[in-house]
Every structure is written in C-alpha cells, then in structure tokens.
Amino acid sequence: LPGVKDAQVAAQIGVGGGLERVVVHLYLAEGASSGENGLGTRLIEPVAPVLIMGESPRQDGFSSFPQDSLTWRVKSLVADFYGIEPEAVIVSIAG
C-alpha cells in the first residue's frame, strides 16, 4: 500500500484449528510519518486547544484522520484475503 514501508503480521489460530484473528503492525514510510499519508493528502496539523461548553459533539462514523482510512483499507484487504470478518483484523500504525 502507498505510504507503508513495512508490515508485520501475526495470525492467531483458534481451538478448532481455524483462523481466529490477524494482527497487522504497519510501519509508515518517511513521508507518511511527517505529514504525508501516502494517499495523496496531508495529515491535519494540530490546532490550539479550545473550550467546548455544554454537550460534546458526536463523532460516530466520522473518520477524522487519513490514517483511519489506511487502517480501514488494511482491515478490509486482510479480511477479504483470509475470508474472515474485518472485526477479526487488528491494525496498529507506527511512524
């Protein structure tokens, strides 16, 4: 995948001998960890803290960072490859 330098994958086999879980640890390429995510967009720069009064806004189903998109793409790719549910794929990203 663009922006990914390396990946380590571990599979967990269940009691019955079937694939239970896949853990993927991604290492981003140089440009990806410094702002470029490899998808043609830039990561959002941090802003000064703000005070929110009242009820906090909901963020259900909202992908705030392009890395969330990368995580989703990897989960989907691995799940399709192994024929498992995306919830059985755990993805972590290191810079």
Protein backbone atom coordinates (compact mmCIF):
# COMPACT_ATOMS: atom_id res chain seq x y z
CA LEU A 1 0.00 0.00 0.00
CA PRO A 2 1.25 3.52 -0.71
CA GLY A 3 2.81 5.15 2.34
CA VAL A 4 3.56 1.85 4.09
CA LYS A 5 7.24 0.96 4.37
CA ASP A 6 6.89 -2.40 6.12
CA ALA A 7 4.35 -4.58 7.89
CA GLN A 8 4.47 -7.39 10.42
CA VAL A 9 1.58 -9.84 10.54
CA ALA A 10 0.71 -12.42 13.18
CA ALA A 11 -2.15 -14.92 12.92
CA GLN A 12 -3.97 -16.42 15.89
CA ILE A 13 -5.38 -19.90 15.38
CA GLY A 14 -8.45 -20.93 17.39
CA VAL A 15 -9.05 -24.16 19.31
CA GLY A 16 -10.73 -25.78 16.29
CA GLY A 17 -7.73 -25.01 14.06
CA GLY A 18 -9.39 -22.15 12.19
CA LEU A 19 -8.05 -18.63 11.82
CA GLU A 20 -9.40 -16.57 14.70
CA ARG A 21 -7.59 -13.23 14.47
CA VAL A 22 -4.94 -11.44 12.40
CA VAL A 23 -2.79 -8.69 13.88
CA VAL A 24 -1.11 -6.28 11.44
CA HIS A 25 1.52 -3.77 12.58
CA LEU A 26 2.27 -1.16 9.89
CA TYR A 27 5.40 0.97 9.65
CA LEU A 28 4.84 4.13 7.64
CA ALA A 29 7.28 5.40 5.02
CA GLU A 30 9.32 8.52 5.83
CA GLY A 31 6.94 10.96 4.11
CA ALA A 32 3.90 9.38 5.72
CA SER A 33 5.08 9.91 9.28
CA SER A 34 5.95 13.56 8.67
CA GLY A 35 2.61 14.64 7.28
CA GLU A 36 2.08 12.73 4.03
CA ASN A 37 -0.04 9.63 4.49
CA GLY A 38 0.78 8.10 1.12
CA LEU A 39 -2.76 8.61 -0.12
CA GLY A 40 -2.20 11.98 -1.79
CA THR A 41 -3.47 14.04 1.14
CA ARG A 42 -1.79 15.67 4.12
CA LEU A 43 -2.48 14.95 7.74
CA ILE A 44 -4.27 17.68 9.67
CA GLU A 45 -1.92 19.97 11.58
CA PRO A 46 -2.66 20.35 15.31
CA VAL A 47 -4.56 23.43 16.47
CA ALA A 48 -4.61 25.32 19.75
CA PRO A 49 -6.90 23.80 22.43
CA VAL A 50 -10.45 25.15 22.62
CA LEU A 51 -13.03 25.06 25.39
CA ILE A 52 -16.37 23.46 24.47
CA MET A 53 -19.27 24.38 26.70
CA GLY A 54 -22.32 22.14 27.03
CA GLU A 55 -22.79 18.75 25.43
CA SER A 56 -19.85 17.47 23.40
CA PRO A 57 -20.44 16.80 19.69
CA ARG A 58 -20.86 13.20 18.48
CA GLN A 59 -18.26 11.71 16.19
CA ASP A 60 -19.85 8.35 15.39
CA GLY A 61 -18.74 7.06 11.99
CA PHE A 62 -16.54 10.10 11.39
CA SER A 63 -13.00 9.44 10.17
CA SER A 64 -11.01 12.40 11.44
CA PHE A 65 -7.57 11.42 10.13
CA PRO A 66 -6.41 9.84 6.87
CA GLN A 67 -4.69 7.09 8.91
CA ASP A 68 -8.18 5.90 9.88
CA SER A 69 -8.74 5.37 6.15
CA LEU A 70 -5.47 3.40 5.90
CA THR A 71 -6.50 1.25 8.87
CA TRP A 72 -9.86 0.54 7.27
CA ARG A 73 -8.23 -0.34 3.92
CA VAL A 74 -5.80 -2.77 5.55
CA LYS A 75 -8.58 -4.39 7.62
CA SER A 76 -10.69 -4.82 4.51
CA LEU A 77 -7.81 -6.19 2.40
CA VAL A 78 -6.68 -8.70 5.05
CA ALA A 79 -10.24 -9.79 5.88
CA ASP A 80 -11.01 -10.41 2.19
CA PHE A 81 -7.72 -12.28 1.68
CA TYR A 82 -8.26 -14.64 4.63
CA GLY A 83 -12.05 -14.84 4.36
CA ILE A 84 -12.67 -13.50 7.87
CA GLU A 85 -14.69 -10.62 9.29
CA PRO A 86 -12.95 -7.20 9.42
CA GLU A 87 -13.56 -7.14 13.19
CA ALA A 88 -11.10 -10.08 13.46
CA VAL A 89 -8.30 -7.93 12.00
CA ILE A 90 -6.38 -5.67 14.38
CA VAL A 91 -4.26 -2.94 12.79
CA SER A 92 -1.74 -0.71 14.54
CA ILE A 93 0.38 2.01 12.90
CA ALA A 94 3.88 3.13 13.89
CA GLY A 95 5.68 6.12 12.40
